[in-house]
């Protein structure tokens, strides 16, 4: 069985998708305020790593891990 990551073109395809994703987020008037204080250059690497992992044959990120990593943002910005 081929991993989705390989099927879509590998890590380079994920990098391209992340770049498009962030351009769209920053251009969106409702979403961009959530990222005003973010250093997008620091966000890119973890996002590529996360997406590559979930599309690999053996993902390394768990629901618990993601919940814990995002908890401060959820609490600070009252997200649900």
PDB file of N, CA and C in Angstrom:
ATOM      1  N   UNK A   1       0.841  -1.178   0.000  1.00  0.00           N
ATOM      2  CA  UNK A   1       0.000   0.000   0.000  1.00  0.00           C
ATOM      3  C   UNK A   1       0.893   1.251   0.000  1.00  0.00           C
ATOM      4  N   UNK A   2       0.603   2.171  -0.867  1.00  0.00           N
ATOM      5  CA  UNK A   2       1.369   3.402  -0.970  1.00  0.00           C
ATOM      6  C   UNK A   2       0.778   4.455  -0.039  1.00  0.00           C
ATOM      7  N   UNK A   3       1.633   5.118   0.693  1.00  0.00           N
ATOM      8  CA  UNK A   3       1.186   6.178   1.586  1.00  0.00           C
ATOM      9  C   UNK A   3       0.656   7.346   0.756  1.00  0.00           C
ATOM     10  N   UNK A   4      -0.328   8.033   1.302  1.00  0.00           N
ATOM     11  CA  UNK A   4      -0.899   9.201   0.642  1.00  0.00           C
ATOM     12  C   UNK A   4       0.180  10.227   0.326  1.00  0.00           C
ATOM     13  N   UNK A   5       1.148  10.371   1.218  1.00  0.00           N
ATOM     14  CA  UNK A   5       2.240  11.314   1.018  1.00  0.00           C
ATOM     15  C   UNK A   5       2.969  11.044  -0.296  1.00  0.00           C
ATOM     16  N   UNK A   6       3.261   9.796  -0.564  1.00  0.00           N
ATOM     17  CA  UNK A   6       3.929   9.434  -1.814  1.00  0.00           C
ATOM     18  C   UNK A   6       3.005   9.662  -3.008  1.00  0.00           C
ATOM     19  N   UNK A   7       1.752   9.335  -2.837  1.00  0.00           N
ATOM     20  CA  UNK A   7       0.772   9.437  -3.916  1.00  0.00           C
ATOM     21  C   UNK A   7       0.592  10.882  -4.386  1.00  0.00           C
ATOM     22  N   UNK A   8       0.636  11.854  -3.451  1.00  0.00           N
ATOM     23  CA  UNK A   8       0.419  13.251  -3.839  1.00  0.00           C
ATOM     24  C   UNK A   8       1.685  13.944  -4.352  1.00  0.00           C
ATOM     25  N   UNK A   9       2.829  13.293  -4.231  1.00  0.00           N
ATOM     26  CA  UNK A   9       4.057  13.889  -4.741  1.00  0.00           C
ATOM     27  C   UNK A   9       5.114  14.152  -3.698  1.00  0.00           C
ATOM     28  N   UNK A  10       4.903  13.636  -2.491  1.00  0.00           N
ATOM     29  CA  UNK A  10       5.917  13.741  -1.452  1.00  0.00           C
ATOM     30  C   UNK A  10       5.935  15.067  -0.723  1.00  0.00           C
ATOM     31  N   UNK A  11       7.001  15.258   0.007  1.00  0.00           N
ATOM     32  CA  UNK A  11       7.150  16.432   0.870  1.00  0.00           C
ATOM     33  C   UNK A  11       7.108  17.752   0.086  1.00  0.00           C
ATOM     34  N   UNK A  12       7.630  17.768  -1.136  1.00  0.00           N
ATOM     35  CA  UNK A  12       7.596  18.995  -1.943  1.00  0.00           C
ATOM     36  C   UNK A  12       6.163  19.443  -2.216  1.00  0.00           C
ATOM     37  N   UNK A  13       5.271  18.495  -2.446  1.00  0.00           N
ATOM     38  CA  UNK A  13       3.861  18.829  -2.676  1.00  0.00           C
ATOM     39  C   UNK A  13       3.235  19.400  -1.407  1.00  0.00           C
ATOM     40  N   UNK A  14       3.622  18.859  -0.261  1.00  0.00           N
ATOM     41  CA  UNK A  14       3.109  19.366   1.017  1.00  0.00           C
ATOM     42  C   UNK A  14       3.608  20.791   1.252  1.00  0.00           C
ATOM     43  N   UNK A  15       4.858  21.048   0.971  1.00  0.00           N
ATOM     44  CA  UNK A  15       5.418  22.395   1.137  1.00  0.00           C
ATOM     45  C   UNK A  15       4.650  23.390   0.264  1.00  0.00           C
ATOM     46  N   UNK A  16       4.395  23.031  -0.975  1.00  0.00           N
ATOM     47  CA  UNK A  16       3.650  23.911  -1.879  1.00  0.00           C
ATOM     48  C   UNK A  16       2.239  24.165  -1.351  1.00  0.00           C
ATOM     49  N   UNK A  17       1.590  23.125  -0.842  1.00  0.00           N
ATOM     50  CA  UNK A  17       0.229  23.271  -0.308  1.00  0.00           C
ATOM     51  C   UNK A  17       0.209  24.156   0.936  1.00  0.00           C
ATOM     52  N   UNK A  18       1.200  23.998   1.800  1.00  0.00           N
ATOM     53  CA  UNK A  18       1.286  24.825   3.010  1.00  0.00           C
ATOM     54  C   UNK A  18       1.493  26.292   2.636  1.00  0.00           C
ATOM     55  N   UNK A  19       2.317  26.549   1.657  1.00  0.00           N
ATOM     56  CA  UNK A  19       2.548  27.929   1.220  1.00  0.00           C
ATOM     57  C   UNK A  19       1.254  28.565   0.704  1.00  0.00           C
ATOM     58  N   UNK A  20       0.493  27.836  -0.084  1.00  0.00           N
ATOM     59  CA  UNK A  20      -0.795  28.337  -0.590  1.00  0.00           C
ATOM     60  C   UNK A  20      -1.763  28.536   0.566  1.00  0.00           C
ATOM     61  N   UNK A  21      -1.801  27.579   1.481  1.00  0.00           N
ATOM     62  CA  UNK A  21      -2.679  27.638   2.651  1.00  0.00           C
ATOM     63  C   UNK A  21      -2.435  28.918   3.453  1.00  0.00           C
ATOM     64  N   UNK A  22      -1.162  29.217   3.748  1.00  0.00           N
ATOM     65  CA  UNK A  22      -0.857  30.409   4.542  1.00  0.00           C
ATOM     66  C   UNK A  22      -1.160  31.697   3.783  1.00  0.00           C
ATOM     67  N   UNK A  23      -0.934  31.734   2.489  1.00  0.00           N
ATOM     68  CA  UNK A  23      -1.278  32.917   1.701  1.00  0.00           C
ATOM     69  C   UNK A  23      -2.777  33.186   1.787  1.00  0.00           C
ATOM     70  N   UNK A  24      -3.568  32.129   1.707  1.00  0.00           N
ATOM     71  CA  UNK A  24      -5.025  32.291   1.775  1.00  0.00           C
ATOM     72  C   UNK A  24      -5.477  32.714   3.174  1.00  0.00           C
ATOM     73  N   UNK A  25      -4.883  32.137   4.201  1.00  0.00           N
ATOM     74  CA  UNK A  25      -5.236  32.517   5.571  1.00  0.00           C
ATOM     75  C   UNK A  25      -4.932  33.989   5.822  1.00  0.00           C
ATOM     76  N   UNK A  26      -3.754  34.425   5.421  1.00  0.00           N
ATOM     77  CA  UNK A  26      -3.340  35.805   5.671  1.00  0.00           C
ATOM     78  C   UNK A  26      -4.147  36.807   4.853  1.00  0.00           C
ATOM     79  N   UNK A  27      -4.737  36.366   3.756  1.00  0.00           N
ATOM     80  CA  UNK A  27      -5.561  37.240   2.928  1.00  0.00           C
ATOM     81  C   UNK A  27      -7.024  37.273   3.402  1.00  0.00           C
ATOM     82  N   UNK A  28      -7.387  36.368   4.299  1.00  0.00           N
ATOM     83  CA  UNK A  28      -8.774  36.276   4.781  1.00  0.00           C
ATOM     84  C   UNK A  28      -8.978  37.200   5.983  1.00  0.00           C
ATOM     85  N   UNK A  29      -9.927  38.101   5.876  1.00  0.00           N
ATOM     86  CA  UNK A  29     -10.132  39.095   6.937  1.00  0.00           C
ATOM     87  C   UNK A  29     -10.619  38.485   8.256  1.00  0.00           C
ATOM     88  N   UNK A  30     -11.294  37.352   8.205  1.00  0.00           N
ATOM     89  CA  UNK A  30     -11.758  36.712   9.442  1.00  0.00           C
ATOM     90  C   UNK A  30     -10.672  35.877  10.105  1.00  0.00           C
ATOM     91  N   UNK A  31      -9.801  35.265   9.315  1.00  0.00           N
ATOM     92  CA  UNK A  31      -8.773  34.379   9.866  1.00  0.00           C
ATOM     93  C   UNK A  31      -7.455  35.080  10.180  1.00  0.00           C
ATOM     94  N   UNK A  32      -7.111  36.072   9.415  1.00  0.00           N
ATOM     95  CA  UNK A  32      -5.795  36.704   9.579  1.00  0.00           C
ATOM     96  C   UNK A  32      -5.546  37.272  10.981  1.00  0.00           C
ATOM     97  N   UNK A  33      -6.572  37.784  11.701  1.00  0.00           N
ATOM     98  CA  UNK A  33      -6.285  38.275  13.055  1.00  0.00           C
ATOM     99  C   UNK A  33      -5.713  37.208  14.002  1.00  0.00           C
ATOM    100  N   UNK A  34      -6.035  35.951  13.786  1.00  0.00           N
ATOM    101  CA  UNK A  34      -5.523  34.887  14.638  1.00  0.00           C
ATOM    102  C   UNK A  34      -4.018  34.670  14.428  1.00  0.00           C
ATOM    103  N   UNK A  35      -3.500  35.193  13.335  1.00  0.00           N
ATOM    104  CA  UNK A  35      -2.095  34.966  12.989  1.00  0.00           C
ATOM    105  C   UNK A  35      -1.275  36.248  12.996  1.00  0.00           C
ATOM    106  N   UNK A  36      -1.859  37.368  13.456  1.00  0.00           N
ATOM    107  CA  UNK A  36      -1.167  38.651  13.449  1.00  0.00           C
ATOM    108  C   UNK A  36       0.171  38.604  14.185  1.00  0.00           C
ATOM    109  N   UNK A  37       0.207  37.912  15.315  1.00  0.00           N
ATOM    110  CA  UNK A  37       1.422  37.879  16.127  1.00  0.00           C
ATOM    111  C   UNK A  37       2.264  36.636  15.878  1.00  0.00           C
ATOM    112  N   UNK A  38       1.837  35.819  14.932  1.00  0.00           N
ATOM    113  CA  UNK A  38       2.574  34.590  14.621  1.00  0.00           C
ATOM    114  C   UNK A  38       3.721  34.893  13.677  1.00  0.00           C
ATOM    115  N   UNK A  39       4.782  34.167  13.878  1.00  0.00           N
ATOM    116  CA  UNK A  39       5.902  34.239  12.929  1.00  0.00           C
ATOM    117  C   UNK A  39       5.688  33.110  11.933  1.00  0.00           C
ATOM    118  N   UNK A  40       5.165  33.464  10.789  1.00  0.00           N
ATOM    119  CA  UNK A  40       4.781  32.459   9.809  1.00  0.00           C
ATOM    120  C   UNK A  40       5.970  31.634   9.328  1.00  0.00           C
ATOM    121  N   UNK A  41       7.162  32.218   9.337  1.00  0.00           N
ATOM    122  CA  UNK A  41       8.332  31.445   8.953  1.00  0.00           C
ATOM    123  C   UNK A  41       8.583  30.310   9.948  1.00  0.00           C
ATOM    124  N   UNK A  42       8.177  30.496  11.201  1.00  0.00           N
ATOM    125  CA  UNK A  42       8.308  29.426  12.208  1.00  0.00           C
ATOM    126  C   UNK A  42       7.144  28.456  12.146  1.00  0.00           C
ATOM    127  N   UNK A  43       6.014  28.877  11.634  1.00  0.00           N
ATOM    128  CA  UNK A  43       4.837  28.017  11.520  1.00  0.00           C
ATOM    129  C   UNK A  43       4.983  27.019  10.379  1.00  0.00           C
ATOM    130  N   UNK A  44       5.691  27.398   9.355  1.00  0.00           N
ATOM    131  CA  UNK A  44       5.768  26.587   8.137  1.00  0.00           C
ATOM    132  C   UNK A  44       6.345  25.191   8.393  1.00  0.00           C
ATOM    133  N   UNK A  45       7.479  25.122   9.065  1.00  0.00           N
ATOM    134  CA  UNK A  45       8.139  23.833   9.282  1.00  0.00           C
ATOM    135  C   UNK A  45       7.267  22.855  10.078  1.00  0.00           C
ATOM    136  N   UNK A  46       6.681  23.271  11.223  1.00  0.00           N
ATOM    137  CA  UNK A  46       5.831  22.323  11.946  1.00  0.00           C
ATOM    138  C   UNK A  46       4.593  21.898  11.155  1.00  0.00           C
ATOM    139  N   UNK A  47       4.035  22.820  10.356  1.00  0.00           N
ATOM    140  CA  UNK A  47       2.851  22.474   9.555  1.00  0.00           C
ATOM    141  C   UNK A  47       3.218  21.442   8.494  1.00  0.00           C
ATOM    142  N   UNK A  48       4.351  21.632   7.827  1.00  0.00           N
ATOM    143  CA  UNK A  48       4.802  20.662   6.818  1.00  0.00           C
ATOM    144  C   UNK A  48       5.071  19.318   7.482  1.00  0.00           C
ATOM    145  N   UNK A  49       5.702  19.342   8.640  1.00  0.00           N
ATOM    146  CA  UNK A  49       5.986  18.109   9.363  1.00  0.00           C
ATOM    147  C   UNK A  49       4.701  17.382   9.758  1.00  0.00           C
ATOM    148  N   UNK A  50       3.739  18.146  10.272  1.00  0.00           N
ATOM    149  CA  UNK A  50       2.467  17.545  10.686  1.00  0.00           C
ATOM    150  C   UNK A  50       1.735  16.926   9.493  1.00  0.00           C
ATOM    151  N   UNK A  51       1.570  17.691   8.428  1.00  0.00           N
ATOM    152  CA  UNK A  51       0.830  17.174   7.276  1.00  0.00           C
ATOM    153  C   UNK A  51       1.546  15.994   6.628  1.00  0.00           C
ATOM    154  N   UNK A  52       2.862  16.060   6.561  1.00  0.00           N
ATOM    155  CA  UNK A  52       3.610  14.929   6.008  1.00  0.00           C
ATOM    156  C   UNK A  52       3.409  13.688   6.867  1.00  0.00           C
ATOM    157  N   UNK A  53       3.378  13.892   8.175  1.00  0.00           N
ATOM    158  CA  UNK A  53       3.201  12.766   9.085  1.00  0.00           C
ATOM    159  C   UNK A  53       1.826  12.119   8.942  1.00  0.00           C
ATOM    160  N   UNK A  54       0.776  12.931   8.894  1.00  0.00           N
ATOM    161  CA  UNK A  54      -0.570  12.338   8.839  1.00  0.00           C
ATOM    162  C   UNK A  54      -0.839  11.649   7.510  1.00  0.00           C
ATOM    163  N   UNK A  55      -0.059  11.993   6.491  1.00  0.00           N
ATOM    164  CA  UNK A  55      -0.236  11.331   5.193  1.00  0.00           C
ATOM    165  C   UNK A  55       0.752  10.187   4.992  1.00  0.00           C
ATOM    166  N   UNK A  56       1.619   9.970   5.964  1.00  0.00           N
ATOM    167  CA  UNK A  56       2.576   8.869   5.883  1.00  0.00           C
ATOM    168  C   UNK A  56       1.903   7.572   6.339  1.00  0.00           C
ATOM    169  N   UNK A  57       2.580   6.472   6.158  1.00  0.00           N
ATOM    170  CA  UNK A  57       2.011   5.180   6.558  1.00  0.00           C
ATOM    171  C   UNK A  57       1.892   5.059   8.068  1.00  0.00           C
ATOM    172  N   UNK A  58       2.795   5.685   8.805  1.00  0.00           N
ATOM    173  CA  UNK A  58       2.752   5.621  10.269  1.00  0.00           C
ATOM    174  C   UNK A  58       2.832   7.031  10.851  1.00  0.00           C
ATOM    175  N   UNK A  59       1.677   7.697  11.012  1.00  0.00           N
ATOM    176  CA  UNK A  59       1.672   9.058  11.570  1.00  0.00           C
ATOM    177  C   UNK A  59       2.288   9.098  12.964  1.00  0.00           C
ATOM    178  N   UNK A  60       2.998  10.204  13.276  1.00  0.00           N
ATOM    179  CA  UNK A  60       3.625  10.324  14.587  1.00  0.00           C
ATOM    180  C   UNK A  60       2.861  11.262  15.511  1.00  0.00           C
ATOM    181  N   UNK A  61       1.918  12.039  14.977  1.00  0.00           N
ATOM    182  CA  UNK A  61       1.159  12.972  15.806  1.00  0.00           C
ATOM    183  C   UNK A  61      -0.144  12.327  16.252  1.00  0.00           C
ATOM    184  N   UNK A  62      -0.450  12.428  17.542  1.00  0.00           N
ATOM    185  CA  UNK A  62      -1.678  11.858  18.073  1.00  0.00           C
ATOM    186  C   UNK A  62      -2.666  12.976  18.394  1.00  0.00           C
ATOM    187  N   UNK A  63      -3.903  12.607  18.607  1.00  0.00           N
ATOM    188  CA  UNK A  63      -4.923  13.576  18.991  1.00  0.00           C
ATOM    189  C   UNK A  63      -4.542  14.257  20.296  1.00  0.00           C
ATOM    190  N   UNK A  64      -4.059  13.502  21.251  1.00  0.00           N
ATOM    191  CA  UNK A  64      -3.660  14.066  22.546  1.00  0.00           C
ATOM    192  C   UNK A  64      -2.526  15.066  22.358  1.00  0.00           C
ATOM    193  N   UNK A  65      -1.541  14.716  21.560  1.00  0.00           N
ATOM    194  CA  UNK A  65      -0.427  15.622  21.295  1.00  0.00           C
ATOM    195  C   UNK A  65      -0.931  16.934  20.695  1.00  0.00           C
ATOM    196  N   UNK A  66      -1.782  16.846  19.692  1.00  0.00           N
ATOM    197  CA  UNK A  66      -2.295  18.049  19.018  1.00  0.00           C
ATOM    198  C   UNK A  66      -3.127  18.903  19.980  1.00  0.00           C
ATOM    199  N   UNK A  67      -3.919  18.262  20.797  1.00  0.00           N
ATOM    200  CA  UNK A  67      -4.740  18.987  21.774  1.00  0.00           C
ATOM    201  C   UNK A  67      -3.844  19.747  22.751  1.00  0.00           C
ATOM    202  N   UNK A  68      -2.804  19.114  23.240  1.00  0.00           N
ATOM    203  CA  UNK A  68      -1.891  19.751  24.195  1.00  0.00           C
ATOM    204  C   UNK A  68      -1.101  20.898  23.567  1.00  0.00           C
ATOM    205  N   UNK A  69      -0.664  20.722  22.341  1.00  0.00           N
ATOM    206  CA  UNK A  69       0.099  21.759  21.660  1.00  0.00           C
ATOM    207  C   UNK A  69      -0.754  23.004  21.417  1.00  0.00           C
ATOM    208  N   UNK A  70      -2.023  22.806  21.093  1.00  0.00           N
ATOM    209  CA  UNK A  70      -2.891  23.931  20.757  1.00  0.00           C
ATOM    210  C   UNK A  70      -3.676  24.488  21.943  1.00  0.00           C
ATOM    211  N   UNK A  71      -3.614  23.844  23.085  1.00  0.00           N
ATOM    212  CA  UNK A  71      -4.384  24.285  24.250  1.00  0.00           C
ATOM    213  C   UNK A  71      -4.154  25.757  24.621  1.00  0.00           C
ATOM    214  N   UNK A  72      -2.899  26.238  24.655  1.00  0.00           N
ATOM    215  CA  UNK A  72      -2.704  27.657  25.011  1.00  0.00           C
ATOM    216  C   UNK A  72      -3.419  28.602  24.043  1.00  0.00           C
ATOM    217  N   UNK A  73      -3.377  28.306  22.762  1.00  0.00           N
ATOM    218  CA  UNK A  73      -4.040  29.155  21.785  1.00  0.00           C
ATOM    219  C   UNK A  73      -5.555  29.083  21.945  1.00  0.00           C
ATOM    220  N   UNK A  74      -6.060  27.892  22.171  1.00  0.00           N
ATOM    221  CA  UNK A  74      -7.508  27.709  22.355  1.00  0.00           C
ATOM    222  C   UNK A  74      -7.987  28.508  23.562  1.00  0.00           C
ATOM    223  N   UNK A  75      -7.242  28.412  24.668  1.00  0.00           N
ATOM    224  CA  UNK A  75      -7.627  29.129  25.880  1.00  0.00           C
ATOM    225  C   UNK A  75      -7.487  30.642  25.732  1.00  0.00           C
ATOM    226  N   UNK A  76      -6.390  31.077  25.147  1.00  0.00           N
ATOM    227  CA  UNK A  76      -6.117  32.518  25.024  1.00  0.00           C
ATOM    228  C   UNK A  76      -7.097  33.198  24.066  1.00  0.00           C
ATOM    229  N   UNK A  77      -7.434  32.526  22.979  1.00  0.00           N
ATOM    230  CA  UNK A  77      -8.268  33.151  21.955  1.00  0.00           C
ATOM    231  C   UNK A  77      -9.719  32.671  22.007  1.00  0.00           C
ATOM    232  N   UNK A  78     -10.039  31.906  23.038  1.00  0.00           N
ATOM    233  CA  UNK A  78     -11.393  31.412  23.226  1.00  0.00           C
ATOM    234  C   UNK A  78     -11.915  30.642  22.005  1.00  0.00           C
ATOM    235  N   UNK A  79     -11.071  29.781  21.488  1.00  0.00           N
ATOM    236  CA  UNK A  79     -11.463  28.955  20.342  1.00  0.00           C
ATOM    237  C   UNK A  79     -12.093  27.669  20.842  1.00  0.00           C
ATOM    238  N   UNK A  80     -12.920  27.081  20.012  1.00  0.00           N
ATOM    239  CA  UNK A  80     -13.488  25.765  20.363  1.00  0.00           C
ATOM    240  C   UNK A  80     -13.522  24.872  19.152  1.00  0.00           C
TER     241      UNK A  80
END
